[in-house]
């Protein structure tokens, strides 16, 4: 699935969607809104929750 640092809890469909949209690092998600990521086919509420936790662990968050 290519090089990425998304946590396994995000799930394969969401990981594929994120990579397909050009994201390979969790840190890149700080430049996207939660809504933008949720609109990607394969990304659901569970993936958003995991990604929010991972961003928070790095002192980051989705763009407002």
N, C-alpha and C. Protein backbone atom coordinates (compact mmCIF):
# COMPACT_ATOMS: atom_id res chain seq x y z
N UNK A 1 0.81 -1.20 0.00
CA UNK A 1 0.00 0.00 0.00
C UNK A 1 0.85 1.26 0.00
N UNK A 2 2.11 1.14 -0.23
CA UNK A 2 2.97 2.31 -0.26
C UNK A 2 3.44 2.70 1.14
N UNK A 3 4.41 3.57 1.16
CA UNK A 3 4.95 4.04 2.43
C UNK A 3 4.01 5.06 3.06
N UNK A 4 3.63 4.78 4.30
CA UNK A 4 2.79 5.72 5.04
C UNK A 4 2.99 5.46 6.52
N UNK A 5 2.53 6.39 7.34
CA UNK A 5 2.66 6.21 8.79
C UNK A 5 1.30 6.24 9.49
N UNK A 6 0.24 5.87 8.75
CA UNK A 6 -1.08 5.84 9.35
C UNK A 6 -1.20 4.65 10.30
N UNK A 7 -1.84 4.85 11.46
CA UNK A 7 -1.99 3.75 12.41
C UNK A 7 -2.86 2.64 11.81
N UNK A 8 -2.58 1.40 12.20
CA UNK A 8 -3.33 0.25 11.68
C UNK A 8 -4.82 0.37 11.96
N UNK A 9 -5.20 1.01 13.04
CA UNK A 9 -6.60 1.15 13.41
C UNK A 9 -7.43 1.96 12.43
N UNK A 10 -6.77 2.65 11.50
CA UNK A 10 -7.47 3.43 10.49
C UNK A 10 -8.19 2.50 9.52
N UNK A 11 -7.60 1.34 9.28
CA UNK A 11 -8.19 0.37 8.37
C UNK A 11 -7.65 0.49 6.96
N UNK A 12 -7.70 -0.61 6.23
CA UNK A 12 -7.15 -0.63 4.87
C UNK A 12 -7.91 0.25 3.89
N UNK A 13 -9.26 0.23 3.88
CA UNK A 13 -9.97 1.09 2.91
C UNK A 13 -9.64 2.58 3.11
N UNK A 14 -9.59 3.01 4.36
CA UNK A 14 -9.28 4.41 4.64
C UNK A 14 -7.83 4.73 4.28
N UNK A 15 -6.93 3.81 4.57
CA UNK A 15 -5.53 4.02 4.22
C UNK A 15 -5.37 4.15 2.70
N UNK A 16 -6.04 3.27 1.96
CA UNK A 16 -5.99 3.36 0.49
C UNK A 16 -6.55 4.70 0.00
N UNK A 17 -7.64 5.14 0.60
CA UNK A 17 -8.26 6.42 0.21
C UNK A 17 -7.32 7.59 0.49
N UNK A 18 -6.69 7.57 1.64
CA UNK A 18 -5.77 8.65 2.01
C UNK A 18 -4.57 8.69 1.06
N UNK A 19 -4.00 7.54 0.78
CA UNK A 19 -2.86 7.48 -0.13
C UNK A 19 -3.28 7.92 -1.53
N UNK A 20 -4.47 7.47 -1.96
CA UNK A 20 -4.98 7.87 -3.27
C UNK A 20 -5.18 9.37 -3.40
N UNK A 21 -5.47 10.02 -2.27
CA UNK A 21 -5.65 11.47 -2.25
C UNK A 21 -4.33 12.22 -2.07
N UNK A 22 -3.22 11.47 -1.97
CA UNK A 22 -1.90 12.10 -1.88
C UNK A 22 -1.34 12.24 -0.48
N UNK A 23 -2.03 11.67 0.51
CA UNK A 23 -1.54 11.74 1.89
C UNK A 23 -0.72 10.49 2.20
N UNK A 24 0.47 10.68 2.75
CA UNK A 24 1.29 9.55 3.16
C UNK A 24 1.75 9.66 4.61
N UNK A 25 1.58 10.83 5.19
CA UNK A 25 2.00 11.08 6.57
C UNK A 25 0.86 11.69 7.36
N UNK A 26 0.72 11.27 8.60
CA UNK A 26 -0.33 11.81 9.46
C UNK A 26 -0.22 13.33 9.55
N UNK A 27 1.00 13.84 9.60
CA UNK A 27 1.20 15.29 9.75
C UNK A 27 0.56 16.08 8.61
N UNK A 28 0.46 15.49 7.42
CA UNK A 28 -0.15 16.18 6.28
C UNK A 28 -1.62 16.49 6.53
N UNK A 29 -2.26 15.74 7.39
CA UNK A 29 -3.69 15.91 7.62
C UNK A 29 -4.03 17.21 8.35
N UNK A 30 -3.04 17.85 8.94
CA UNK A 30 -3.29 19.13 9.61
C UNK A 30 -3.69 20.21 8.61
N UNK A 31 -3.42 19.97 7.33
CA UNK A 31 -3.76 20.93 6.28
C UNK A 31 -5.12 20.63 5.64
N UNK A 32 -5.82 19.63 6.17
CA UNK A 32 -7.14 19.26 5.65
C UNK A 32 -8.18 19.35 6.76
N UNK A 33 -9.41 19.61 6.38
CA UNK A 33 -10.47 19.61 7.39
C UNK A 33 -10.95 18.17 7.60
N UNK A 34 -11.56 17.94 8.73
CA UNK A 34 -12.14 16.64 9.03
C UNK A 34 -13.16 16.27 7.95
N UNK A 35 -13.94 17.25 7.54
CA UNK A 35 -14.98 17.03 6.51
C UNK A 35 -14.35 16.58 5.19
N UNK A 36 -13.25 17.22 4.79
CA UNK A 36 -12.58 16.84 3.54
C UNK A 36 -12.12 15.39 3.57
N UNK A 37 -11.56 14.98 4.69
CA UNK A 37 -11.06 13.61 4.82
C UNK A 37 -12.23 12.63 4.87
N UNK A 38 -13.28 12.98 5.57
CA UNK A 38 -14.45 12.12 5.69
C UNK A 38 -15.13 11.90 4.33
N UNK A 39 -14.97 12.84 3.41
CA UNK A 39 -15.57 12.71 2.08
C UNK A 39 -14.84 11.72 1.19
N UNK A 40 -13.63 11.30 1.57
CA UNK A 40 -12.89 10.33 0.78
C UNK A 40 -13.58 8.97 0.89
N UNK A 41 -13.79 8.32 -0.24
CA UNK A 41 -14.45 7.01 -0.25
C UNK A 41 -13.59 6.00 0.51
N UNK A 42 -14.15 5.43 1.55
CA UNK A 42 -13.42 4.46 2.37
C UNK A 42 -13.08 4.99 3.75
N UNK A 43 -13.25 6.29 3.95
CA UNK A 43 -12.95 6.89 5.25
C UNK A 43 -14.27 7.10 6.00
N UNK A 44 -14.37 6.50 7.19
CA UNK A 44 -15.57 6.64 7.99
C UNK A 44 -15.27 7.23 9.35
N UNK A 45 -16.28 7.30 10.20
CA UNK A 45 -16.13 7.89 11.53
C UNK A 45 -15.04 7.22 12.38
N UNK A 46 -14.91 5.91 12.29
CA UNK A 46 -13.88 5.21 13.08
C UNK A 46 -12.49 5.68 12.66
N UNK A 47 -12.26 5.77 11.35
CA UNK A 47 -10.96 6.21 10.85
C UNK A 47 -10.68 7.65 11.29
N UNK A 48 -11.68 8.50 11.24
CA UNK A 48 -11.52 9.89 11.67
C UNK A 48 -11.13 9.94 13.15
N UNK A 49 -11.79 9.14 13.96
CA UNK A 49 -11.48 9.11 15.40
C UNK A 49 -10.03 8.71 15.63
N UNK A 50 -9.58 7.66 14.94
CA UNK A 50 -8.20 7.18 15.09
C UNK A 50 -7.22 8.25 14.61
N UNK A 51 -7.53 8.87 13.48
CA UNK A 51 -6.65 9.91 12.94
C UNK A 51 -6.58 11.13 13.87
N UNK A 52 -7.73 11.51 14.44
CA UNK A 52 -7.73 12.63 15.39
C UNK A 52 -6.84 12.33 16.59
N UNK A 53 -6.92 11.10 17.09
CA UNK A 53 -6.10 10.70 18.24
C UNK A 53 -4.62 10.73 17.87
N UNK A 54 -4.31 10.25 16.67
CA UNK A 54 -2.90 10.23 16.23
C UNK A 54 -2.38 11.65 16.03
N UNK A 55 -3.19 12.52 15.43
CA UNK A 55 -2.79 13.92 15.29
C UNK A 55 -2.58 14.56 16.66
N UNK A 56 -3.50 14.32 17.58
CA UNK A 56 -3.40 14.90 18.93
C UNK A 56 -2.12 14.44 19.63
N UNK A 57 -1.73 13.18 19.41
CA UNK A 57 -0.51 12.66 20.04
C UNK A 57 0.73 13.38 19.54
N UNK A 58 0.61 14.04 18.39
CA UNK A 58 1.72 14.80 17.81
C UNK A 58 1.53 16.30 18.02
N UNK A 59 0.49 16.66 18.80
CA UNK A 59 0.22 18.07 19.06
C UNK A 59 -0.42 18.78 17.89
N UNK A 60 -1.09 18.01 17.02
CA UNK A 60 -1.71 18.58 15.82
C UNK A 60 -3.20 18.30 15.83
N UNK A 61 -3.91 18.91 14.87
CA UNK A 61 -5.34 18.66 14.70
C UNK A 61 -5.71 18.98 13.26
N UNK A 62 -6.90 18.51 12.86
CA UNK A 62 -7.40 18.85 11.53
C UNK A 62 -7.57 20.36 11.43
N UNK A 63 -7.47 20.88 10.21
CA UNK A 63 -7.69 22.29 9.96
C UNK A 63 -9.14 22.63 10.30
N UNK A 64 -9.35 23.79 10.85
CA UNK A 64 -10.72 24.23 11.21
C UNK A 64 -11.41 24.85 10.04
